Every structure is written in structure tokens, then in C-alpha cells.
């Protein structure tokens, strides 16, 4: 069974976007480093509508990924334009619970992991269903004071690894369970 990994950038005060859903704070960060090991291990991704729309806006309507992608949404969204990476991007719009699509998502990964991209709300849905295995964060030296929270859930986590890449502190945590006092 693949791992389900929430992999995202965050500010020091725990936000993934500002109140206007802008990522300007992230795009200003100097970073020539990538996490090729992570991306090589991904077989499918899942995101919310806001992340999907941001990707379309910031890639001129083209789709940047060749792996199967689920977009969790209750709205009708446009399909991306074709690009040089994929003649027919594998985008699947999904309504309802992530649990309804989880087996299909895992099957699509092959021997790779499922990447929850952006969207603390979507990651929280995986937490609610007991389906999130790890959280990998790239923490930038920025505070926003408000915005979209990293993960609006209370969890006990186990630190597995910590490193830095350019200005980012990169940490990997195993999801243990809901906070003990919440159970």
C-alpha cells in the first residue's frame, strides 16, 4: 500500500497561503534545491479546488503534471489546456469524501506514494478518515499573521527527519494519531 503524504511549504507561523490565497511569500524565497527523491516516489496527487485553480493560473492554463490527479471540489471547474508534458492530462474531479476515492487513488499510484498537494483542508479530510501517513513541510523564514492554515487538525506527530534546503527547514513527520486529550 502506498504512503499518503501531505507535502507542502509553510510559513514559520503555520500558513500555506495568505488570506487572498497568494503564494508570493513562497515565490520570493531563494531556492535552487529540489526534492527529486520525493517527486520520483510519487504516483498520483490529490488537491482541492483552490490549489488546482492556482496551478492553472500560474501555468498559463497548461497542466504541469503527468501523473493522475484528483481535484476534490463541489464546483464545476475547467479542464486544463494540453501541454507538452501530457497530451491528455489525467485530471479527475471528485465530489464527496476522500474515503470514497482512496482505493482508486492508491491503485493509480502503482508502487509509488499519493501526494496531497497544498490545501490543509484536503489534508484534514485524510486525517479525519485515518488515511494520512506522513507530513513533509518546507518551512520558510516568513510569518504572515493570518491566512490558510497548514493543517486545521490536532495531531500527535513523530519527527522522522529534519534538514534544510536553502532558506527552508525541511521536516518529515509520521502521523501518530489525534492528540491524546481529543480522543
N, C-alpha and C. Protein backbone atom coordinates (compact mmCIF):
# COMPACT_ATOMS: atom_id res chain seq x y z
N UNK A 1 0.85 -1.18 0.00
CA UNK A 1 0.00 0.00 0.00
C UNK A 1 0.89 1.24 0.00
N UNK A 2 0.60 2.20 -0.84
CA UNK A 2 1.43 3.40 -0.86
C UNK A 2 1.23 4.24 0.40
N UNK A 3 2.21 5.08 0.66
CA UNK A 3 2.05 6.06 1.73
C UNK A 3 1.23 7.22 1.20
N UNK A 4 0.47 7.84 2.07
CA UNK A 4 -0.24 9.07 1.74
C UNK A 4 0.49 10.19 2.46
N UNK A 5 1.06 11.12 1.67
CA UNK A 5 1.97 12.13 2.21
C UNK A 5 1.46 13.53 1.87
N UNK A 6 1.31 14.33 2.91
CA UNK A 6 1.00 15.76 2.74
C UNK A 6 2.33 16.47 2.66
N UNK A 7 2.67 16.99 1.49
CA UNK A 7 3.95 17.62 1.22
C UNK A 7 3.68 19.05 0.80
N UNK A 8 4.16 20.03 1.59
CA UNK A 8 3.82 21.42 1.30
C UNK A 8 4.85 22.37 1.89
N UNK A 9 4.83 23.59 1.40
CA UNK A 9 5.61 24.67 2.01
C UNK A 9 4.70 25.39 2.99
N UNK A 10 5.31 25.94 4.02
CA UNK A 10 4.57 26.66 5.05
C UNK A 10 5.42 27.82 5.57
N UNK A 11 4.75 28.77 6.18
CA UNK A 11 5.46 29.86 6.84
C UNK A 11 5.81 29.41 8.26
N UNK A 12 6.67 30.16 8.89
CA UNK A 12 7.07 29.85 10.26
C UNK A 12 5.87 29.84 11.21
N UNK A 13 4.86 30.67 10.93
CA UNK A 13 3.67 30.70 11.79
C UNK A 13 2.54 29.79 11.28
N UNK A 14 2.86 28.87 10.38
CA UNK A 14 1.93 27.81 10.04
C UNK A 14 0.86 28.10 9.00
N UNK A 15 1.17 28.95 8.03
CA UNK A 15 0.21 29.22 6.95
C UNK A 15 0.80 28.78 5.61
N UNK A 16 -0.07 28.26 4.75
CA UNK A 16 0.38 27.84 3.42
C UNK A 16 0.06 28.87 2.35
N UNK A 17 -0.80 29.81 2.66
CA UNK A 17 -1.14 30.91 1.75
C UNK A 17 -1.63 32.08 2.60
N UNK A 18 -1.57 33.27 2.03
CA UNK A 18 -2.08 34.42 2.76
C UNK A 18 -3.61 34.46 2.65
N UNK A 19 -4.29 35.41 3.30
CA UNK A 19 -5.75 35.43 3.26
C UNK A 19 -6.36 35.54 1.86
N UNK A 20 -5.57 36.01 0.88
CA UNK A 20 -6.03 36.12 -0.51
C UNK A 20 -5.62 34.91 -1.35
N UNK A 21 -5.15 33.86 -0.69
CA UNK A 21 -4.65 32.65 -1.36
C UNK A 21 -3.40 32.90 -2.19
N UNK A 22 -2.66 33.95 -1.88
CA UNK A 22 -1.43 34.26 -2.59
C UNK A 22 -0.26 33.45 -2.01
N UNK A 23 0.64 33.08 -2.91
CA UNK A 23 1.87 32.39 -2.51
C UNK A 23 3.11 33.26 -2.77
N UNK A 24 2.91 34.57 -2.88
CA UNK A 24 4.02 35.47 -3.14
C UNK A 24 5.13 35.30 -2.09
N UNK A 25 4.75 35.04 -0.84
CA UNK A 25 5.73 34.84 0.22
C UNK A 25 6.66 33.66 -0.12
N UNK A 26 6.12 32.65 -0.77
CA UNK A 26 6.90 31.46 -1.13
C UNK A 26 7.74 31.71 -2.38
N UNK A 27 7.14 32.35 -3.36
CA UNK A 27 7.82 32.57 -4.63
C UNK A 27 9.00 33.53 -4.50
N UNK A 28 9.03 34.33 -3.43
CA UNK A 28 10.16 35.24 -3.17
C UNK A 28 11.38 34.53 -2.59
N UNK A 29 11.20 33.31 -2.09
CA UNK A 29 12.29 32.63 -1.40
C UNK A 29 13.34 32.13 -2.38
N UNK A 30 14.61 32.42 -2.11
CA UNK A 30 15.66 31.87 -2.97
C UNK A 30 15.78 30.38 -2.70
N UNK A 31 15.68 29.60 -3.75
CA UNK A 31 15.78 28.15 -3.55
C UNK A 31 16.13 27.47 -4.87
N UNK A 32 17.33 26.98 -4.94
CA UNK A 32 17.76 26.23 -6.12
C UNK A 32 17.72 24.73 -5.86
N UNK A 33 17.31 24.38 -4.67
CA UNK A 33 17.29 22.97 -4.28
C UNK A 33 15.92 22.38 -4.58
N UNK A 34 15.90 21.13 -4.95
CA UNK A 34 14.63 20.44 -5.14
C UNK A 34 14.68 19.14 -4.36
N UNK A 35 13.55 18.51 -4.28
CA UNK A 35 13.46 17.25 -3.56
C UNK A 35 13.14 16.15 -4.57
N UNK A 36 14.12 15.90 -5.46
CA UNK A 36 13.92 14.93 -6.53
C UNK A 36 13.58 13.55 -6.00
N UNK A 37 14.12 13.18 -4.86
CA UNK A 37 13.80 11.87 -4.29
C UNK A 37 12.31 11.76 -3.98
N UNK A 38 11.74 12.84 -3.44
CA UNK A 38 10.31 12.82 -3.14
C UNK A 38 9.50 12.68 -4.43
N UNK A 39 9.78 13.54 -5.40
CA UNK A 39 8.98 13.57 -6.62
C UNK A 39 9.11 12.28 -7.42
N UNK A 40 10.27 11.63 -7.37
CA UNK A 40 10.44 10.36 -8.07
C UNK A 40 9.58 9.26 -7.45
N UNK A 41 9.22 9.43 -6.18
CA UNK A 41 8.43 8.42 -5.49
C UNK A 41 6.93 8.66 -5.52
N UNK A 42 6.46 9.63 -6.30
CA UNK A 42 5.04 9.98 -6.34
C UNK A 42 4.38 9.34 -7.56
N UNK A 43 3.22 8.72 -7.33
CA UNK A 43 2.50 8.09 -8.42
C UNK A 43 1.18 8.77 -8.77
N UNK A 44 0.64 9.56 -7.84
CA UNK A 44 -0.61 10.29 -8.06
C UNK A 44 -0.68 11.42 -7.04
N UNK A 45 -1.53 12.39 -7.33
CA UNK A 45 -1.68 13.51 -6.42
C UNK A 45 -3.16 13.84 -6.24
N UNK A 46 -3.45 14.51 -5.13
CA UNK A 46 -4.81 14.97 -4.83
C UNK A 46 -4.70 16.38 -4.26
N UNK A 47 -5.65 17.23 -4.64
CA UNK A 47 -5.63 18.62 -4.19
C UNK A 47 -7.05 19.14 -4.13
N UNK A 48 -7.21 20.33 -3.56
CA UNK A 48 -8.51 21.00 -3.55
C UNK A 48 -8.64 21.94 -4.74
N UNK A 49 -9.82 22.52 -4.87
CA UNK A 49 -10.11 23.40 -5.99
C UNK A 49 -9.22 24.65 -6.00
N UNK A 50 -8.93 25.21 -4.83
CA UNK A 50 -8.12 26.43 -4.78
C UNK A 50 -6.71 26.17 -5.30
N UNK A 51 -6.10 25.06 -4.91
CA UNK A 51 -4.76 24.70 -5.40
C UNK A 51 -4.81 24.45 -6.91
N UNK A 52 -5.82 23.73 -7.35
CA UNK A 52 -5.98 23.45 -8.78
C UNK A 52 -6.08 24.75 -9.59
N UNK A 53 -6.93 25.66 -9.15
CA UNK A 53 -7.09 26.92 -9.86
C UNK A 53 -5.81 27.75 -9.85
N UNK A 54 -5.08 27.73 -8.73
CA UNK A 54 -3.81 28.44 -8.65
C UNK A 54 -2.82 27.87 -9.68
N UNK A 55 -2.76 26.54 -9.77
CA UNK A 55 -1.85 25.91 -10.74
C UNK A 55 -2.20 26.31 -12.17
N UNK A 56 -3.48 26.32 -12.50
CA UNK A 56 -3.89 26.73 -13.85
C UNK A 56 -3.50 28.18 -14.14
N UNK A 57 -3.74 29.06 -13.15
CA UNK A 57 -3.41 30.48 -13.34
C UNK A 57 -1.91 30.69 -13.52
N UNK A 58 -1.13 29.95 -12.77
CA UNK A 58 0.31 30.18 -12.76
C UNK A 58 1.09 29.32 -13.75
N UNK A 59 0.38 28.56 -14.55
CA UNK A 59 1.00 27.79 -15.64
C UNK A 59 0.29 28.08 -16.95
N UNK A 60 -0.29 29.28 -17.04
CA UNK A 60 -0.96 29.74 -18.27
C UNK A 60 -1.98 28.74 -18.80
N UNK A 61 -2.70 28.09 -17.90
CA UNK A 61 -3.75 27.16 -18.30
C UNK A 61 -3.26 25.78 -18.67
N UNK A 62 -1.95 25.59 -18.75
CA UNK A 62 -1.38 24.27 -19.06
C UNK A 62 -1.30 23.45 -17.78
N UNK A 63 -1.18 22.16 -17.91
CA UNK A 63 -1.10 21.29 -16.74
C UNK A 63 0.33 20.81 -16.55
N UNK A 64 0.93 21.03 -15.36
CA UNK A 64 2.35 20.72 -15.17
C UNK A 64 2.68 19.28 -14.78
N UNK A 65 1.68 18.43 -14.60
CA UNK A 65 1.94 17.08 -14.09
C UNK A 65 1.48 16.01 -15.07
N UNK A 66 2.22 14.91 -15.10
CA UNK A 66 1.86 13.78 -15.97
C UNK A 66 1.25 12.63 -15.17
N UNK A 67 1.18 12.75 -13.86
CA UNK A 67 0.62 11.70 -13.02
C UNK A 67 -0.88 11.92 -12.82
N UNK A 68 -1.63 10.87 -12.49
CA UNK A 68 -3.06 11.05 -12.22
C UNK A 68 -3.28 12.03 -11.07
N UNK A 69 -4.28 12.90 -11.23
CA UNK A 69 -4.58 13.93 -10.24
C UNK A 69 -6.06 13.95 -9.93
N UNK A 70 -6.39 13.93 -8.65
CA UNK A 70 -7.77 14.11 -8.20
C UNK A 70 -7.90 15.52 -7.67
N UNK A 71 -8.98 16.19 -8.04
CA UNK A 71 -9.29 17.51 -7.52
C UNK A 71 -10.59 17.36 -6.73
N UNK A 72 -10.49 17.55 -5.42
CA UNK A 72 -11.66 17.45 -4.55
C UNK A 72 -12.40 18.79 -4.61
N UNK A 73 -13.63 18.76 -5.13
CA UNK A 73 -14.36 20.01 -5.33
C UNK A 73 -15.86 19.74 -5.35
N UNK A 74 -16.61 20.77 -5.04
CA UNK A 74 -18.07 20.73 -5.16
C UNK A 74 -18.52 21.64 -6.30
N UNK A 75 -17.54 22.21 -7.01
CA UNK A 75 -17.84 23.15 -8.10
C UNK A 75 -17.48 22.52 -9.45
N UNK A 76 -18.03 23.09 -10.51
CA UNK A 76 -17.63 22.72 -11.86
C UNK A 76 -16.40 23.55 -12.20
N UNK A 77 -15.32 22.89 -12.57
CA UNK A 77 -14.07 23.57 -12.88
C UNK A 77 -13.66 23.27 -14.32
N UNK A 78 -12.91 24.19 -14.93
CA UNK A 78 -12.46 23.96 -16.30
C UNK A 78 -11.35 22.92 -16.35
N UNK A 79 -11.27 22.23 -17.45
CA UNK A 79 -10.15 21.31 -17.69
C UNK A 79 -8.94 22.15 -18.10
N UNK A 80 -7.74 21.68 -17.78
CA UNK A 80 -6.54 22.42 -18.21
C UNK A 80 -6.33 22.25 -19.72
N UNK A 81 -5.58 23.18 -20.29
CA UNK A 81 -5.24 23.05 -21.70
C UNK A 81 -4.16 21.99 -21.85
N UNK A 82 -4.03 21.45 -23.03
CA UNK A 82 -2.99 20.45 -23.27
C UNK A 82 -1.63 21.14 -23.27
N UNK A 83 -0.63 20.42 -22.85
CA UNK A 83 0.72 20.98 -22.85
C UNK A 83 1.70 19.94 -23.36
N UNK A 84 2.97 20.29 -23.36
CA UNK A 84 3.99 19.38 -23.88
C UNK A 84 4.26 18.19 -22.98
N UNK A 85 3.86 18.25 -21.71
CA UNK A 85 4.10 17.15 -20.78
C UNK A 85 3.13 16.00 -21.03
N UNK A 86 1.90 16.32 -21.33
CA UNK A 86 0.88 15.29 -21.45
C UNK A 86 -0.14 15.70 -22.51
N UNK A 87 -0.37 14.81 -23.46
CA UNK A 87 -1.38 15.09 -24.48
C UNK A 87 -2.77 15.22 -23.86
N UNK A 88 -3.05 14.39 -22.88
CA UNK A 88 -4.36 14.40 -22.25
C UNK A 88 -4.16 14.28 -20.74
N UNK A 89 -4.05 15.39 -20.02
CA UNK A 89 -3.80 15.33 -18.58
C UNK A 89 -4.85 14.48 -17.87
N UNK A 90 -4.39 13.65 -16.97
CA UNK A 90 -5.28 12.75 -16.22
C UNK A 90 -5.79 13.48 -14.98
N UNK A 91 -6.83 14.30 -15.17
CA UNK A 91 -7.44 15.07 -14.09
C UNK A 91 -8.80 14.47 -13.81
N UNK A 92 -9.05 14.18 -12.53
CA UNK A 92 -10.32 13.58 -12.12
C UNK A 92 -10.95 14.46 -11.06
N UNK A 93 -12.07 15.06 -11.40
CA UNK A 93 -12.79 15.90 -10.45
C UNK A 93 -13.64 14.99 -9.57
N UNK A 94 -13.53 15.17 -8.26
CA UNK A 94 -14.18 14.26 -7.32
C UNK A 94 -15.02 15.06 -6.32
N UNK A 95 -16.23 14.61 -6.13
CA UNK A 95 -17.13 15.23 -5.13
C UNK A 95 -17.40 14.20 -4.05
N UNK A 96 -17.46 14.67 -2.81
CA UNK A 96 -17.72 13.76 -1.71
C UNK A 96 -16.49 13.57 -0.85
N UNK A 97 -16.47 12.47 -0.14
CA UNK A 97 -15.41 12.17 0.82
C UNK A 97 -14.16 11.62 0.13
N UNK A 98 -12.99 11.98 0.65
CA UNK A 98 -11.76 11.41 0.11
C UNK A 98 -11.76 9.90 0.27
N UNK A 99 -12.44 9.40 1.30
CA UNK A 99 -12.51 7.95 1.52
C UNK A 99 -13.20 7.24 0.35
N UNK A 100 -14.13 7.92 -0.32
CA UNK A 100 -14.83 7.32 -1.47
C UNK A 100 -13.89 7.07 -2.63
N UNK A 101 -12.79 7.78 -2.71
CA UNK A 101 -11.86 7.70 -3.84
C UNK A 101 -10.50 7.12 -3.45
N UNK A 102 -10.28 6.85 -2.17
CA UNK A 102 -8.96 6.50 -1.69
C UNK A 102 -8.39 5.24 -2.34
N UNK A 103 -9.17 4.19 -2.46
CA UNK A 103 -8.67 2.94 -3.06
C UNK A 103 -8.28 3.20 -4.51
N UNK A 104 -9.12 3.92 -5.23
CA UNK A 104 -8.83 4.25 -6.63
C UNK A 104 -7.54 5.07 -6.73
N UNK A 105 -7.37 6.04 -5.82
CA UNK A 105 -6.15 6.86 -5.82
C UNK A 105 -4.92 5.99 -5.59
N UNK A 106 -5.01 5.11 -4.62
CA UNK A 106 -3.87 4.24 -4.29
C UNK A 106 -3.54 3.29 -5.44
N UNK A 107 -4.56 2.77 -6.08
CA UNK A 107 -4.34 1.87 -7.22
C UNK A 107 -3.62 2.63 -8.35
N UNK A 108 -3.94 3.90 -8.54
CA UNK A 108 -3.34 4.69 -9.61
C UNK A 108 -1.86 5.01 -9.35
N UNK A 109 -1.42 4.90 -8.11
CA UNK A 109 -0.02 5.25 -7.79
C UNK A 109 0.97 4.18 -8.25
N UNK A 110 0.49 2.99 -8.56
CA UNK A 110 1.42 1.90 -8.85
C UNK A 110 2.15 1.55 -7.57
N UNK A 111 3.46 1.54 -7.62
CA UNK A 111 4.26 1.25 -6.43
C UNK A 111 4.75 2.52 -5.75
N UNK A 112 4.10 3.64 -6.04
CA UNK A 112 4.55 4.93 -5.53
C UNK A 112 3.57 5.48 -4.51
N UNK A 113 3.89 6.67 -4.01
CA UNK A 113 3.09 7.30 -2.96
C UNK A 113 2.03 8.24 -3.53
N UNK A 114 1.04 8.54 -2.70
CA UNK A 114 -0.01 9.50 -3.02
C UNK A 114 0.37 10.83 -2.36
N UNK A 115 0.43 11.89 -3.15
CA UNK A 115 0.84 13.21 -2.68
C UNK A 115 -0.38 14.09 -2.50
N UNK A 116 -0.59 14.55 -1.28
CA UNK A 116 -1.59 15.58 -1.01
C UNK A 116 -0.87 16.91 -1.19
N UNK A 117 -1.29 17.66 -2.22
CA UNK A 117 -0.60 18.89 -2.61
C UNK A 117 -1.40 20.10 -2.13
N UNK A 118 -0.76 20.92 -1.31
CA UNK A 118 -1.43 22.14 -0.86
C UNK A 118 -2.75 21.83 -0.18
N UNK A 119 -3.39 22.81 0.30
CA UNK A 119 -4.72 22.62 0.87
C UNK A 119 -4.77 21.87 2.18
N UNK A 120 -4.64 22.60 3.28
CA UNK A 120 -4.75 21.98 4.60
C UNK A 120 -6.12 21.37 4.82
N UNK A 121 -7.14 21.91 4.17
CA UNK A 121 -8.49 21.35 4.29
C UNK A 121 -8.57 19.96 3.70
N UNK A 122 -7.96 19.75 2.54
CA UNK A 122 -7.95 18.42 1.92
C UNK A 122 -7.12 17.46 2.78
N UNK A 123 -5.96 17.91 3.23
CA UNK A 123 -5.14 17.07 4.11
C UNK A 123 -5.92 16.71 5.37
N UNK A 124 -6.68 17.67 5.89
CA UNK A 124 -7.51 17.40 7.07
C UNK A 124 -8.55 16.34 6.83
N UNK A 125 -9.10 16.27 5.62
CA UNK A 125 -10.07 15.22 5.30
C UNK A 125 -9.42 13.84 5.36
N UNK A 126 -8.17 13.74 4.91
CA UNK A 126 -7.44 12.48 5.02
C UNK A 126 -7.19 12.13 6.48
N UNK A 127 -6.86 13.13 7.29
CA UNK A 127 -6.68 12.92 8.73
C UNK A 127 -7.97 12.38 9.34
N UNK A 128 -9.09 13.01 9.02
CA UNK A 128 -10.38 12.62 9.59
C UNK A 128 -10.72 11.17 9.29
N UNK A 129 -10.27 10.67 8.15
CA UNK A 129 -10.55 9.28 7.75
C UNK A 129 -9.45 8.31 8.19
N UNK A 130 -8.41 8.83 8.87
CA UNK A 130 -7.30 7.98 9.29
C UNK A 130 -6.43 7.52 8.13
N UNK A 131 -6.33 8.34 7.07
CA UNK A 131 -5.65 7.94 5.85
C UNK A 131 -4.35 8.70 5.58
N UNK A 132 -3.93 9.57 6.48
CA UNK A 132 -2.69 10.33 6.27
C UNK A 132 -1.55 9.67 7.03
N UNK A 133 -0.46 9.36 6.30
CA UNK A 133 0.68 8.68 6.91
C UNK A 133 1.79 9.63 7.34
N UNK A 134 2.12 10.60 6.48
CA UNK A 134 3.24 11.49 6.77
C UNK A 134 2.93 12.92 6.35
N UNK A 135 3.65 13.85 6.98
CA UNK A 135 3.61 15.26 6.62
C UNK A 135 5.04 15.71 6.41
N UNK A 136 5.30 16.25 5.24
CA UNK A 136 6.62 16.82 4.93
C UNK A 136 6.41 18.31 4.69
N UNK A 137 7.10 19.13 5.46
CA UNK A 137 6.96 20.58 5.31
C UNK A 137 8.31 21.22 4.98
N UNK A 138 8.23 22.21 4.13
CA UNK A 138 9.35 23.11 3.86
C UNK A 138 8.96 24.43 4.51
N UNK A 139 9.57 24.74 5.64
CA UNK A 139 9.21 25.93 6.41
C UNK A 139 10.10 27.10 6.02
N UNK A 140 9.45 28.17 5.53
CA UNK A 140 10.17 29.37 5.08
C UNK A 140 10.33 30.35 6.24
N UNK A 141 11.38 31.17 6.19
CA UNK A 141 11.59 32.18 7.23
C UNK A 141 10.72 33.41 6.99
N UNK A 142 9.41 33.18 7.07
CA UNK A 142 8.42 34.22 6.82
C UNK A 142 7.27 34.01 7.79
N UNK A 143 6.67 35.09 8.27
CA UNK A 143 5.41 34.98 9.02
C UNK A 143 4.37 35.84 8.30
N UNK A 144 3.14 35.37 8.31
CA UNK A 144 2.04 36.09 7.65
C UNK A 144 1.04 36.65 8.65
N UNK A 145 0.94 36.07 9.82
CA UNK A 145 -0.01 36.55 10.82
C UNK A 145 -1.42 36.02 10.63
N UNK A 146 -1.78 35.68 9.40
CA UNK A 146 -3.09 35.07 9.12
C UNK A 146 -3.03 34.48 7.71
N UNK A 147 -4.03 33.68 7.41
CA UNK A 147 -4.07 33.07 6.10
C UNK A 147 -4.66 31.68 6.16
N UNK A 148 -4.27 30.85 5.20
CA UNK A 148 -4.75 29.46 5.13
C UNK A 148 -3.85 28.60 6.00
N UNK A 149 -4.42 27.95 7.03
CA UNK A 149 -3.58 27.17 7.94
C UNK A 149 -2.98 25.93 7.28
N UNK A 150 -1.83 25.56 7.77
CA UNK A 150 -1.12 24.37 7.30
C UNK A 150 -2.00 23.13 7.40
N UNK A 151 -2.59 22.91 8.57
CA UNK A 151 -3.42 21.72 8.78
C UNK A 151 -4.35 22.00 9.96
N UNK A 152 -5.60 22.27 9.68
CA UNK A 152 -6.52 22.64 10.77
C UNK A 152 -7.04 21.41 11.53
N UNK A 153 -6.13 20.64 12.09
CA UNK A 153 -6.46 19.48 12.91
C UNK A 153 -5.46 19.40 14.05
N UNK A 154 -5.85 18.69 15.10
CA UNK A 154 -4.97 18.48 16.26
C UNK A 154 -4.42 17.07 16.18
N UNK A 155 -3.08 16.96 16.04
CA UNK A 155 -2.45 15.66 15.84
C UNK A 155 -1.22 15.48 16.70
N UNK A 156 -0.97 14.24 17.08
CA UNK A 156 0.33 13.85 17.61
C UNK A 156 1.15 13.37 16.43
N UNK A 157 2.38 13.88 16.34
CA UNK A 157 3.28 13.53 15.24
C UNK A 157 4.60 13.03 15.81
N UNK A 158 5.27 12.22 15.02
CA UNK A 158 6.61 11.74 15.39
C UNK A 158 7.59 12.30 14.37
N UNK A 159 8.60 13.03 14.82
CA UNK A 159 9.61 13.57 13.93
C UNK A 159 10.48 12.43 13.39
N UNK A 160 10.54 12.32 12.06
CA UNK A 160 11.33 11.28 11.42
C UNK A 160 12.64 11.81 10.87
N UNK A 161 12.63 13.09 10.41
CA UNK A 161 13.83 13.64 9.80
C UNK A 161 13.71 15.16 9.78
N UNK A 162 14.86 15.83 9.83
CA UNK A 162 14.90 17.28 9.70
C UNK A 162 16.19 17.64 8.96
N UNK A 163 16.09 18.64 8.08
CA UNK A 163 17.22 19.06 7.26
C UNK A 163 16.95 20.51 6.85
N UNK A 164 17.80 21.09 6.06
CA UNK A 164 17.50 22.39 5.49
C UNK A 164 17.93 22.39 4.04
N UNK A 165 17.20 23.17 3.25
CA UNK A 165 17.48 23.35 1.83
C UNK A 165 17.36 24.84 1.57
N UNK A 166 18.47 25.49 1.30
CA UNK A 166 18.45 26.94 1.13
C UNK A 166 17.88 27.59 2.38
N UNK A 167 16.88 28.46 2.25
CA UNK A 167 16.31 29.12 3.42
C UNK A 167 15.27 28.28 4.17
N UNK A 168 14.96 27.10 3.67
CA UNK A 168 13.88 26.28 4.23
C UNK A 168 14.38 25.26 5.25
N UNK A 169 13.61 25.07 6.30
CA UNK A 169 13.79 23.93 7.20
C UNK A 169 12.83 22.86 6.70
N UNK A 170 13.38 21.71 6.38
CA UNK A 170 12.58 20.62 5.83
C UNK A 170 12.42 19.56 6.91
N UNK A 171 11.17 19.26 7.26
CA UNK A 171 10.94 18.25 8.29
C UNK A 171 9.93 17.22 7.79
N UNK A 172 10.13 16.00 8.25
CA UNK A 172 9.25 14.89 7.89
C UNK A 172 8.72 14.29 9.18
N UNK A 173 7.39 14.18 9.26
CA UNK A 173 6.72 13.66 10.46
C UNK A 173 5.81 12.49 10.11
N UNK A 174 5.80 11.51 10.95
CA UNK A 174 4.82 10.43 10.86
C UNK A 174 3.58 10.85 11.64
N UNK A 175 2.40 10.60 11.07
CA UNK A 175 1.17 10.89 11.79
C UNK A 175 0.94 9.74 12.76
N UNK A 176 0.88 10.08 14.05
CA UNK A 176 0.68 9.05 15.08
C UNK A 176 -0.81 8.86 15.32
N UNK A 177 -1.51 9.95 15.63
CA UNK A 177 -2.95 9.87 15.93
C UNK A 177 -3.45 11.26 16.26
N UNK A 178 -4.74 11.37 16.54
CA UNK A 178 -5.27 12.62 17.08
C UNK A 178 -4.62 12.85 18.43
N UNK A 179 -4.56 14.09 18.85
CA UNK A 179 -3.99 14.37 20.17
C UNK A 179 -4.68 13.54 21.23
N UNK A 180 -3.92 13.00 22.13
CA UNK A 180 -4.46 12.09 23.14
C UNK A 180 -5.64 12.69 23.91
N UNK A 181 -5.56 13.98 24.24
CA UNK A 181 -6.66 14.59 25.00
C UNK A 181 -7.92 14.77 24.16
N UNK A 182 -7.83 14.62 22.84
CA UNK A 182 -9.01 14.74 21.97
C UNK A 182 -9.74 13.42 21.83
N UNK A 183 -9.12 12.33 22.22
CA UNK A 183 -9.72 11.01 21.99
C UNK A 183 -10.71 10.63 23.06
